N, C-alpha and C. Protein backbone atom coordinates (compact mmCIF):
# COMPACT_ATOMS: atom_id res chain seq x y z
N MET A 1 76.06 -18.22 62.32
CA MET A 1 76.63 -18.63 63.65
C MET A 1 77.35 -19.60 63.94
N VAL A 2 76.92 -20.37 63.36
CA VAL A 2 78.33 -21.64 63.40
C VAL A 2 79.95 -20.53 62.87
N GLU A 3 79.92 -20.13 61.66
CA GLU A 3 80.87 -20.16 61.29
C GLU A 3 81.80 -18.74 62.12
N ALA A 4 80.67 -18.10 62.84
CA ALA A 4 81.17 -17.05 63.50
C ALA A 4 81.95 -17.50 64.86
N MET A 5 80.93 -18.71 65.49
CA MET A 5 81.76 -19.54 66.87
C MET A 5 83.15 -20.51 66.36
N LYS A 6 82.97 -20.69 64.61
CA LYS A 6 83.97 -21.37 64.87
C LYS A 6 85.33 -20.55 64.68
N ASN A 7 85.19 -19.26 64.07
CA ASN A 7 86.13 -17.83 63.85
C ASN A 7 86.53 -17.73 65.38
N VAL A 8 85.51 -17.52 66.59
CA VAL A 8 86.12 -17.23 67.64
C VAL A 8 86.61 -18.61 68.44
N ALA A 9 86.47 -19.28 68.29
CA ALA A 9 87.50 -20.64 68.85
C ALA A 9 89.09 -20.90 68.45
N LYS A 10 88.99 -20.26 67.43
CA LYS A 10 90.09 -20.12 66.63
C LYS A 10 91.07 -18.90 66.85
N LEU A 11 90.70 -17.90 67.76
CA LEU A 11 91.17 -16.77 67.62
C LEU A 11 92.73 -17.23 68.77
N ASN A 12 91.97 -18.23 69.88
CA ASN A 12 93.68 -18.65 70.63
C ASN A 12 93.60 -17.27 71.62
N VAL A 13 92.29 -16.56 71.95
CA VAL A 13 92.45 -15.38 73.02
C VAL A 13 92.01 -16.05 73.95
N GLU A 14 92.16 -15.58 75.30
CA GLU A 14 91.44 -15.31 76.10
C GLU A 14 89.69 -14.65 76.50
N LEU A 15 89.18 -15.28 76.86
CA LEU A 15 87.65 -14.42 76.23
C LEU A 15 87.01 -14.32 77.54
N THR A 16 86.87 -13.23 77.61
CA THR A 16 86.22 -12.60 78.65
C THR A 16 84.67 -13.69 79.49
N VAL A 17 84.37 -13.16 80.57
CA VAL A 17 83.28 -14.62 80.97
C VAL A 17 81.76 -13.85 80.11
N GLU A 18 81.39 -12.90 79.59
CA GLU A 18 80.37 -12.92 78.88
C GLU A 18 80.57 -12.97 77.40
N GLU A 19 82.13 -13.48 76.81
CA GLU A 19 82.05 -13.67 75.91
C GLU A 19 81.66 -15.06 75.89
N ARG A 20 82.08 -16.05 77.21
CA ARG A 20 82.25 -17.82 76.80
C ARG A 20 80.93 -17.56 77.33
N ASN A 21 79.99 -17.26 78.34
CA ASN A 21 79.05 -17.39 78.14
C ASN A 21 77.92 -17.22 76.93
N LEU A 22 78.17 -16.39 76.30
CA LEU A 22 77.39 -15.94 74.91
C LEU A 22 77.80 -17.52 73.94
N LEU A 23 79.19 -17.56 73.70
CA LEU A 23 79.71 -18.65 73.23
C LEU A 23 79.48 -20.37 73.41
N SER A 24 79.02 -20.39 74.79
CA SER A 24 78.52 -21.44 75.26
C SER A 24 76.87 -21.81 74.85
N VAL A 25 76.13 -20.38 74.47
CA VAL A 25 74.80 -20.50 74.42
C VAL A 25 74.73 -20.41 73.29
N GLY A 26 75.36 -19.93 72.46
CA GLY A 26 75.36 -20.46 71.34
C GLY A 26 75.52 -21.77 70.36
N TYR A 27 76.36 -21.99 71.17
CA TYR A 27 76.62 -23.60 70.73
C TYR A 27 75.70 -24.96 71.31
N LYS A 28 75.47 -24.57 72.48
CA LYS A 28 73.98 -25.14 72.78
C LYS A 28 72.71 -25.34 72.20
N ASN A 29 72.72 -24.27 71.86
CA ASN A 29 71.43 -24.10 70.57
C ASN A 29 71.67 -24.70 69.38
N VAL A 30 73.35 -24.61 68.80
CA VAL A 30 73.52 -25.57 67.31
C VAL A 30 73.12 -27.00 67.62
N VAL A 31 73.78 -27.40 68.93
CA VAL A 31 74.51 -29.17 69.01
C VAL A 31 72.54 -29.91 69.29
N GLY A 32 71.79 -28.72 70.81
CA GLY A 32 70.85 -28.94 70.26
C GLY A 32 69.28 -29.19 69.43
N ALA A 33 69.60 -28.63 68.20
CA ALA A 33 68.79 -28.44 67.46
C ALA A 33 68.95 -29.97 66.82
N HIS A 34 70.06 -30.17 66.83
CA HIS A 34 70.64 -31.25 66.25
C HIS A 34 70.51 -32.66 66.96
N ARG A 35 70.25 -32.29 68.42
CA ARG A 35 69.85 -33.77 69.04
C ARG A 35 68.80 -34.00 68.76
N ALA A 36 68.01 -32.63 69.06
CA ALA A 36 66.16 -32.89 68.50
C ALA A 36 65.88 -33.84 67.25
N SER A 37 66.37 -33.45 66.54
CA SER A 37 66.20 -33.92 65.16
C SER A 37 66.61 -35.26 64.92
N TRP A 38 68.04 -35.55 65.67
CA TRP A 38 68.08 -36.84 66.48
C TRP A 38 67.27 -37.79 66.86
N ARG A 39 66.65 -37.02 68.13
CA ARG A 39 65.59 -37.95 68.21
C ARG A 39 64.25 -38.39 67.45
N ILE A 40 64.33 -36.81 67.23
CA ILE A 40 63.01 -37.44 65.88
C ILE A 40 63.07 -38.85 64.99
N LEU A 41 64.46 -38.53 64.82
CA LEU A 41 64.67 -39.67 63.78
C LEU A 41 64.05 -41.15 64.25
N SER A 42 65.03 -41.32 65.37
CA SER A 42 65.46 -42.09 65.90
C SER A 42 64.00 -42.47 66.49
N SER A 43 63.71 -42.00 66.79
CA SER A 43 61.43 -42.31 67.36
C SER A 43 61.24 -42.64 66.46
N ILE A 44 61.47 -42.24 65.01
CA ILE A 44 60.58 -42.55 63.68
C ILE A 44 61.02 -43.96 63.40
N GLU A 45 61.80 -44.28 63.79
CA GLU A 45 63.04 -45.11 62.90
C GLU A 45 62.52 -46.63 64.21
N HIS A 46 62.96 -46.17 65.40
CA HIS A 46 62.13 -47.33 66.31
C HIS A 46 60.54 -47.89 66.34
N LYS A 47 60.37 -46.59 65.54
CA LYS A 47 57.86 -47.19 65.76
C LYS A 47 58.34 -47.84 64.18
N GLU A 48 59.08 -47.43 62.93
CA GLU A 48 59.15 -48.45 61.79
C GLU A 48 59.32 -49.77 62.09
N GLU A 49 60.68 -49.90 62.67
CA GLU A 49 61.19 -51.61 63.48
C GLU A 49 60.40 -52.23 64.07
N SER A 50 59.51 -51.82 65.03
CA SER A 50 57.63 -52.27 65.64
C SER A 50 57.17 -52.65 64.89
N LYS A 51 57.25 -52.30 63.90
CA LYS A 51 55.49 -52.78 63.35
C LYS A 51 56.01 -54.19 62.35
């Protein structure tokens, strides 16, 4: 999915509203997963430092 998103971004063409929405949702899903992982790691690190 990430590769497909990168390829679409590199095409340098005007996207339809539906295509932009799909790209946006895909981006939010990828970034959201990374953000959630980062929050978990930060929380664990903070708990370890508090001990």
